[in-house]
Amino acid sequence: MTNSDILRATYDGSPNLEHIRNPSEINARYQKSCSDYKALMRQRVDPREQRVMLYAEIRVLAWILGKSDSQMQKDMGA
């Protein structure tokens, strides 16, 4: 396989490739992650790994949406 084959396979509209999400999908995922984080923080156990993974996802989604760190903290309820 050559470089041109790879480029053709990448841009031919193959259904196996990820597509760029639209802003409404990203915002919905962000809101769901924030509510999941709030629910996780209300639990009595300390699920550190889940908390860290959710926080990282929220941070990336907030960055994509152009939200500031302070706005992200407000949305998370922290």
PDB file of N, CA and C in Angstrom:
ATOM      1  N   MET A   1       0.846  -1.172   0.000  1.00  0.00           N
ATOM      2  CA  MET A   1       0.000   0.000   0.000  1.00  0.00           C
ATOM      3  C   MET A   1       0.893   1.236   0.000  1.00  0.00           C
ATOM      4  N   THR A   2       0.617   2.142  -0.884  1.00  0.00           N
ATOM      5  CA  THR A   2       1.401   3.367  -0.993  1.00  0.00           C
ATOM      6  C   THR A   2       0.695   4.508  -0.270  1.00  0.00           C
ATOM      7  N   ASN A   3       1.388   5.634  -0.191  1.00  0.00           N
ATOM      8  CA  ASN A   3       0.793   6.806   0.453  1.00  0.00           C
ATOM      9  C   ASN A   3      -0.466   7.272  -0.272  1.00  0.00           C
ATOM     10  N   SER A   4      -0.456   7.206  -1.593  1.00  0.00           N
ATOM     11  CA  SER A   4      -1.640   7.639  -2.335  1.00  0.00           C
ATOM     12  C   SER A   4      -2.825   6.707  -2.076  1.00  0.00           C
ATOM     13  N   ASP A   5      -2.566   5.407  -1.876  1.00  0.00           N
ATOM     14  CA  ASP A   5      -3.642   4.475  -1.543  1.00  0.00           C
ATOM     15  C   ASP A   5      -4.253   4.813  -0.182  1.00  0.00           C
ATOM     16  N   ILE A   6      -3.399   5.173   0.758  1.00  0.00           N
ATOM     17  CA  ILE A   6      -3.877   5.527   2.097  1.00  0.00           C
ATOM     18  C   ILE A   6      -4.724   6.789   2.031  1.00  0.00           C
ATOM     19  N   LEU A   7      -4.260   7.795   1.279  1.00  0.00           N
ATOM     20  CA  LEU A   7      -5.021   9.033   1.150  1.00  0.00           C
ATOM     21  C   LEU A   7      -6.360   8.791   0.474  1.00  0.00           C
ATOM     22  N   ARG A   8      -6.388   7.985  -0.566  1.00  0.00           N
ATOM     23  CA  ARG A   8      -7.635   7.676  -1.252  1.00  0.00           C
ATOM     24  C   ARG A   8      -8.592   6.944  -0.318  1.00  0.00           C
ATOM     25  N   ALA A   9      -8.078   6.015   0.459  1.00  0.00           N
ATOM     26  CA  ALA A   9      -8.923   5.264   1.389  1.00  0.00           C
ATOM     27  C   ALA A   9      -9.463   6.171   2.498  1.00  0.00           C
ATOM     28  N   THR A  10      -8.710   7.191   2.848  1.00  0.00           N
ATOM     29  CA  THR A  10      -9.125   8.106   3.901  1.00  0.00           C
ATOM     30  C   THR A  10     -10.225   9.046   3.438  1.00  0.00           C
ATOM     31  N   TYR A  11     -10.169   9.515   2.217  1.00  0.00           N
ATOM     32  CA  TYR A  11     -11.086  10.545   1.752  1.00  0.00           C
ATOM     33  C   TYR A  11     -12.134  10.059   0.766  1.00  0.00           C
ATOM     34  N   ASP A  12     -12.332   8.766   0.652  1.00  0.00           N
ATOM     35  CA  ASP A  12     -13.319   8.290  -0.318  1.00  0.00           C
ATOM     36  C   ASP A  12     -14.718   8.174   0.259  1.00  0.00           C
ATOM     37  N   GLY A  13     -14.928   8.617   1.487  1.00  0.00           N
ATOM     38  CA  GLY A  13     -16.244   8.551   2.101  1.00  0.00           C
ATOM     39  C   GLY A  13     -16.550   7.193   2.682  1.00  0.00           C
ATOM     40  N   SER A  14     -15.525   6.448   3.014  1.00  0.00           N
ATOM     41  CA  SER A  14     -15.697   5.119   3.583  1.00  0.00           C
ATOM     42  C   SER A  14     -16.507   5.199   4.870  1.00  0.00           C
ATOM     43  N   PRO A  15     -17.493   4.298   5.056  1.00  0.00           N
ATOM     44  CA  PRO A  15     -18.325   4.359   6.263  1.00  0.00           C
ATOM     45  C   PRO A  15     -17.586   3.940   7.526  1.00  0.00           C
ATOM     46  N   ASN A  16     -16.381   3.397   7.413  1.00  0.00           N
ATOM     47  CA  ASN A  16     -15.628   2.949   8.580  1.00  0.00           C
ATOM     48  C   ASN A  16     -14.890   4.078   9.277  1.00  0.00           C
ATOM     49  N   LEU A  17     -14.840   5.232   8.667  1.00  0.00           N
ATOM     50  CA  LEU A  17     -14.074   6.342   9.233  1.00  0.00           C
ATOM     51  C   LEU A  17     -14.950   7.208  10.132  1.00  0.00           C
ATOM     52  N   GLU A  18     -14.334   7.761  11.144  1.00  0.00           N
ATOM     53  CA  GLU A  18     -15.033   8.696  12.012  1.00  0.00           C
ATOM     54  C   GLU A  18     -15.281   9.996  11.262  1.00  0.00           C
ATOM     55  N   HIS A  19     -16.360  10.648  11.592  1.00  0.00           N
ATOM     56  CA  HIS A  19     -16.645  11.941  10.988  1.00  0.00           C
ATOM     57  C   HIS A  19     -16.621  13.010  12.074  1.00  0.00           C
ATOM     58  N   ILE A  20     -16.465  14.225  11.664  1.00  0.00           N
ATOM     59  CA  ILE A  20     -16.444  15.334  12.607  1.00  0.00           C
ATOM     60  C   ILE A  20     -17.852  15.523  13.150  1.00  0.00           C
ATOM     61  N   ARG A  21     -17.967  15.605  14.440  1.00  0.00           N
ATOM     62  CA  ARG A  21     -19.269  15.776  15.072  1.00  0.00           C
ATOM     63  C   ARG A  21     -19.742  17.222  14.919  1.00  0.00           C
ATOM     64  N   ASN A  22     -21.042  17.399  14.833  1.00  0.00           N
ATOM     65  CA  ASN A  22     -21.542  18.766  14.748  1.00  0.00           C
ATOM     66  C   ASN A  22     -21.674  19.341  16.166  1.00  0.00           C
ATOM     67  N   PRO A  23     -21.757  20.647  16.286  1.00  0.00           N
ATOM     68  CA  PRO A  23     -21.764  21.278  17.619  1.00  0.00           C
ATOM     69  C   PRO A  23     -22.899  20.811  18.527  1.00  0.00           C
ATOM     70  N   SER A  24     -24.062  20.496  17.968  1.00  0.00           N
ATOM     71  CA  SER A  24     -25.165  20.049  18.835  1.00  0.00           C
ATOM     72  C   SER A  24     -24.872  18.676  19.440  1.00  0.00           C
ATOM     73  N   GLU A  25     -24.212  17.796  18.694  1.00  0.00           N
ATOM     74  CA  GLU A  25     -23.824  16.496  19.234  1.00  0.00           C
ATOM     75  C   GLU A  25     -22.779  16.660  20.336  1.00  0.00           C
ATOM     76  N   ILE A  26     -21.830  17.542  20.114  1.00  0.00           N
ATOM     77  CA  ILE A  26     -20.784  17.786  21.106  1.00  0.00           C
ATOM     78  C   ILE A  26     -21.384  18.392  22.363  1.00  0.00           C
ATOM     79  N   ASN A  27     -22.299  19.346  22.196  1.00  0.00           N
ATOM     80  CA  ASN A  27     -22.927  19.986  23.342  1.00  0.00           C
ATOM     81  C   ASN A  27     -23.772  18.988  24.134  1.00  0.00           C
ATOM     82  N   ALA A  28     -24.487  18.107  23.446  1.00  0.00           N
ATOM     83  CA  ALA A  28     -25.281  17.091  24.136  1.00  0.00           C
ATOM     84  C   ALA A  28     -24.383  16.155  24.931  1.00  0.00           C
ATOM     85  N   ARG A  29     -23.267  15.758  24.357  1.00  0.00           N
ATOM     86  CA  ARG A  29     -22.325  14.886  25.052  1.00  0.00           C
ATOM     87  C   ARG A  29     -21.727  15.607  26.263  1.00  0.00           C
ATOM     88  N   TYR A  30     -21.435  16.882  26.107  1.00  0.00           N
ATOM     89  CA  TYR A  30     -20.889  17.693  27.193  1.00  0.00           C
ATOM     90  C   TYR A  30     -21.884  17.771  28.355  1.00  0.00           C
ATOM     91  N   GLN A  31     -23.147  18.063  28.047  1.00  0.00           N
ATOM     92  CA  GLN A  31     -24.174  18.161  29.086  1.00  0.00           C
ATOM     93  C   GLN A  31     -24.374  16.829  29.799  1.00  0.00           C
ATOM     94  N   LYS A  32     -24.362  15.733  29.045  1.00  0.00           N
ATOM     95  CA  LYS A  32     -24.523  14.407  29.646  1.00  0.00           C
ATOM     96  C   LYS A  32     -23.336  14.077  30.543  1.00  0.00           C
ATOM     97  N   SER A  33     -22.134  14.403  30.098  1.00  0.00           N
ATOM     98  CA  SER A  33     -20.948  14.143  30.902  1.00  0.00           C
ATOM     99  C   SER A  33     -20.972  14.957  32.187  1.00  0.00           C
ATOM    100  N   CYS A  34     -21.422  16.204  32.106  1.00  0.00           N
ATOM    101  CA  CYS A  34     -21.511  17.039  33.308  1.00  0.00           C
ATOM    102  C   CYS A  34     -22.520  16.454  34.295  1.00  0.00           C
ATOM    103  N   SER A  35     -23.664  15.987  33.802  1.00  0.00           N
ATOM    104  CA  SER A  35     -24.654  15.402  34.711  1.00  0.00           C
ATOM    105  C   SER A  35     -24.147  14.079  35.286  1.00  0.00           C
ATOM    106  N   ASP A  36     -23.424  13.294  34.492  1.00  0.00           N
ATOM    107  CA  ASP A  36     -22.822  12.058  35.002  1.00  0.00           C
ATOM    108  C   ASP A  36     -21.804  12.369  36.097  1.00  0.00           C
ATOM    109  N   TYR A  37     -21.030  13.439  35.901  1.00  0.00           N
ATOM    110  CA  TYR A  37     -20.021  13.833  36.894  1.00  0.00           C
ATOM    111  C   TYR A  37     -20.692  14.258  38.197  1.00  0.00           C
ATOM    112  N   LYS A  38     -21.784  15.025  38.081  1.00  0.00           N
ATOM    113  CA  LYS A  38     -22.505  15.454  39.280  1.00  0.00           C
ATOM    114  C   LYS A  38     -23.043  14.249  40.043  1.00  0.00           C
ATOM    115  N   ALA A  39     -23.616  13.293  39.317  1.00  0.00           N
ATOM    116  CA  ALA A  39     -24.156  12.091  39.959  1.00  0.00           C
ATOM    117  C   ALA A  39     -23.037  11.285  40.614  1.00  0.00           C
ATOM    118  N   LEU A  40     -21.902  11.217  39.957  1.00  0.00           N
ATOM    119  CA  LEU A  40     -20.763  10.473  40.498  1.00  0.00           C
ATOM    120  C   LEU A  40     -20.248  11.118  41.777  1.00  0.00           C
ATOM    121  N   MET A  41     -20.246  12.434  41.821  1.00  0.00           N
ATOM    122  CA  MET A  41     -19.758  13.132  43.009  1.00  0.00           C
ATOM    123  C   MET A  41     -20.720  13.018  44.191  1.00  0.00           C
ATOM    124  N   ARG A  42     -22.001  12.725  43.935  1.00  0.00           N
ATOM    125  CA  ARG A  42     -22.967  12.565  45.026  1.00  0.00           C
ATOM    126  C   ARG A  42     -22.877  11.190  45.683  1.00  0.00           C
ATOM    127  N   GLN A  43     -22.195  10.256  45.054  1.00  0.00           N
ATOM    128  CA  GLN A  43     -22.077   8.917  45.617  1.00  0.00           C
ATOM    129  C   GLN A  43     -21.150   8.934  46.831  1.00  0.00           C
ATOM    130  N   ARG A  44     -21.333   7.961  47.683  1.00  0.00           N
ATOM    131  CA  ARG A  44     -20.534   7.913  48.914  1.00  0.00           C
ATOM    132  C   ARG A  44     -19.186   7.247  48.724  1.00  0.00           C
ATOM    133  N   VAL A  45     -19.004   6.510  47.660  1.00  0.00           N
ATOM    134  CA  VAL A  45     -17.713   5.854  47.392  1.00  0.00           C
ATOM    135  C   VAL A  45     -16.817   6.834  46.648  1.00  0.00           C
ATOM    136  N   ASP A  46     -15.560   6.471  46.510  1.00  0.00           N
ATOM    137  CA  ASP A  46     -14.614   7.336  45.799  1.00  0.00           C
ATOM    138  C   ASP A  46     -14.132   6.634  44.534  1.00  0.00           C
ATOM    139  N   PRO A  47     -14.892   6.753  43.452  1.00  0.00           N
ATOM    140  CA  PRO A  47     -14.488   6.130  42.190  1.00  0.00           C
ATOM    141  C   PRO A  47     -13.490   7.023  41.445  1.00  0.00           C
ATOM    142  N   ARG A  48     -12.262   7.070  41.934  1.00  0.00           N
ATOM    143  CA  ARG A  48     -11.269   7.995  41.400  1.00  0.00           C
ATOM    144  C   ARG A  48     -11.051   7.846  39.904  1.00  0.00           C
ATOM    145  N   GLU A  49     -10.932   6.620  39.410  1.00  0.00           N
ATOM    146  CA  GLU A  49     -10.657   6.422  37.985  1.00  0.00           C
ATOM    147  C   GLU A  49     -11.793   6.955  37.122  1.00  0.00           C
ATOM    148  N   GLN A  50     -13.030   6.668  37.521  1.00  0.00           N
ATOM    149  CA  GLN A  50     -14.167   7.176  36.753  1.00  0.00           C
ATOM    150  C   GLN A  50     -14.209   8.692  36.788  1.00  0.00           C
ATOM    151  N   ARG A  51     -13.939   9.257  37.950  1.00  0.00           N
ATOM    152  CA  ARG A  51     -13.969  10.713  38.095  1.00  0.00           C
ATOM    153  C   ARG A  51     -12.931  11.374  37.204  1.00  0.00           C
ATOM    154  N   VAL A  52     -11.737  10.812  37.184  1.00  0.00           N
ATOM    155  CA  VAL A  52     -10.659  11.386  36.373  1.00  0.00           C
ATOM    156  C   VAL A  52     -10.982  11.262  34.880  1.00  0.00           C
ATOM    157  N   MET A  53     -11.529  10.123  34.483  1.00  0.00           N
ATOM    158  CA  MET A  53     -11.869   9.936  33.064  1.00  0.00           C
ATOM    159  C   MET A  53     -12.988  10.889  32.641  1.00  0.00           C
ATOM    160  N   LEU A  54     -14.008  11.044  33.473  1.00  0.00           N
ATOM    161  CA  LEU A  54     -15.093  11.963  33.146  1.00  0.00           C
ATOM    162  C   LEU A  54     -14.599  13.404  33.094  1.00  0.00           C
ATOM    163  N   TYR A  55     -13.750  13.774  34.044  1.00  0.00           N
ATOM    164  CA  TYR A  55     -13.216  15.132  34.067  1.00  0.00           C
ATOM    165  C   TYR A  55     -12.413  15.414  32.797  1.00  0.00           C
ATOM    166  N   ALA A  56     -11.616  14.449  32.374  1.00  0.00           N
ATOM    167  CA  ALA A  56     -10.822  14.638  31.158  1.00  0.00           C
ATOM    168  C   ALA A  56     -11.725  14.789  29.943  1.00  0.00           C
ATOM    169  N   GLU A  57     -12.775  13.986  29.869  1.00  0.00           N
ATOM    170  CA  GLU A  57     -13.701  14.094  28.741  1.00  0.00           C
ATOM    171  C   GLU A  57     -14.408  15.445  28.740  1.00  0.00           C
ATOM    172  N   ILE A  58     -14.848  15.889  29.916  1.00  0.00           N
ATOM    173  CA  ILE A  58     -15.524  17.182  30.019  1.00  0.00           C
ATOM    174  C   ILE A  58     -14.583  18.302  29.622  1.00  0.00           C
ATOM    175  N   ARG A  59     -13.344  18.194  30.043  1.00  0.00           N
ATOM    176  CA  ARG A  59     -12.365  19.242  29.721  1.00  0.00           C
ATOM    177  C   ARG A  59     -12.132  19.347  28.216  1.00  0.00           C
ATOM    178  N   VAL A  60     -12.014  18.205  27.537  1.00  0.00           N
ATOM    179  CA  VAL A  60     -11.811  18.215  26.084  1.00  0.00           C
ATOM    180  C   VAL A  60     -13.045  18.759  25.382  1.00  0.00           C
ATOM    181  N   LEU A  61     -14.226  18.317  25.797  1.00  0.00           N
ATOM    182  CA  LEU A  61     -15.456  18.801  25.164  1.00  0.00           C
ATOM    183  C   LEU A  61     -15.636  20.298  25.393  1.00  0.00           C
ATOM    184  N   ALA A  62     -15.295  20.778  26.581  1.00  0.00           N
ATOM    185  CA  ALA A  62     -15.384  22.212  26.864  1.00  0.00           C
ATOM    186  C   ALA A  62     -14.418  22.986  25.974  1.00  0.00           C
ATOM    187  N   TRP A  63     -13.239  22.442  25.772  1.00  0.00           N
ATOM    188  CA  TRP A  63     -12.262  23.091  24.895  1.00  0.00           C
ATOM    189  C   TRP A  63     -12.789  23.170  23.466  1.00  0.00           C
ATOM    190  N   ILE A  64     -13.396  22.084  22.995  1.00  0.00           N
ATOM    191  CA  ILE A  64     -13.952  22.077  21.643  1.00  0.00           C
ATOM    192  C   ILE A  64     -15.060  23.115  21.512  1.00  0.00           C
ATOM    193  N   LEU A  65     -15.886  23.236  22.549  1.00  0.00           N
ATOM    194  CA  LEU A  65     -16.995  24.184  22.522  1.00  0.00           C
ATOM    195  C   LEU A  65     -16.556  25.622  22.795  1.00  0.00           C
ATOM    196  N   GLY A  66     -15.292  25.811  23.173  1.00  0.00           N
ATOM    197  CA  GLY A  66     -14.777  27.151  23.434  1.00  0.00           C
ATOM    198  C   GLY A  66     -15.167  27.694  24.794  1.00  0.00           C
ATOM    199  N   LYS A  67     -15.432  26.824  25.741  1.00  0.00           N
ATOM    200  CA  LYS A  67     -15.817  27.259  27.082  1.00  0.00           C
ATOM    201  C   LYS A  67     -14.560  27.501  27.924  1.00  0.00           C
ATOM    202  N   SER A  68     -14.636  28.470  28.814  1.00  0.00           N
ATOM    203  CA  SER A  68     -13.509  28.755  29.703  1.00  0.00           C
ATOM    204  C   SER A  68     -13.506  27.737  30.843  1.00  0.00           C
ATOM    205  N   ASP A  69     -12.393  27.705  31.561  1.00  0.00           N
ATOM    206  CA  ASP A  69     -12.280  26.785  32.694  1.00  0.00           C
ATOM    207  C   ASP A  69     -13.301  27.113  33.782  1.00  0.00           C
ATOM    208  N   SER A  70     -13.532  28.401  34.002  1.00  0.00           N
ATOM    209  CA  SER A  70     -14.495  28.779  35.040  1.00  0.00           C
ATOM    210  C   SER A  70     -15.917  28.374  34.638  1.00  0.00           C
ATOM    211  N   GLN A  71     -16.251  28.511  33.359  1.00  0.00           N
ATOM    212  CA  GLN A  71     -17.574  28.097  32.895  1.00  0.00           C
ATOM    213  C   GLN A  71     -17.720  26.579  33.001  1.00  0.00           C
ATOM    214  N   MET A  72     -16.646  25.868  32.691  1.00  0.00           N
ATOM    215  CA  MET A  72     -16.675  24.404  32.797  1.00  0.00           C
ATOM    216  C   MET A  72     -16.908  23.994  34.256  1.00  0.00           C
ATOM    217  N   GLN A  73     -16.233  24.660  35.188  1.00  0.00           N
ATOM    218  CA  GLN A  73     -16.405  24.339  36.602  1.00  0.00           C
ATOM    219  C   GLN A  73     -17.854  24.608  37.049  1.00  0.00           C
ATOM    220  N   LYS A  74     -18.458  25.692  36.559  1.00  0.00           N
ATOM    221  CA  LYS A  74     -19.840  25.987  36.902  1.00  0.00           C
ATOM    222  C   LYS A  74     -20.776  24.918  36.345  1.00  0.00           C
ATOM    223  N   ASP A  75     -20.520  24.496  35.118  1.00  0.00           N
ATOM    224  CA  ASP A  75     -21.365  23.482  34.503  1.00  0.00           C
ATOM    225  C   ASP A  75     -21.261  22.148  35.227  1.00  0.00           C
ATOM    226  N   MET A  76     -20.088  21.859  35.749  1.00  0.00           N
ATOM    227  CA  MET A  76     -19.880  20.600  36.476  1.00  0.00           C
ATOM    228  C   MET A  76     -20.462  20.665  37.886  1.00  0.00           C
ATOM    229  N   GLY A  77     -20.765  21.856  38.343  1.00  0.00           N
ATOM    230  CA  GLY A  77     -21.315  22.008  39.681  1.00  0.00           C
ATOM    231  C   GLY A  77     -20.276  22.000  40.764  1.00  0.00           C
ATOM    232  N   ALA A  78     -19.032  22.276  40.388  1.00  0.00           N
ATOM    233  CA  ALA A  78     -17.933  22.261  41.358  1.00  0.00           C
ATOM    234  C   ALA A  78     -17.777  23.622  42.024  1.00  0.00           C
TER     235      ALA A  78
END
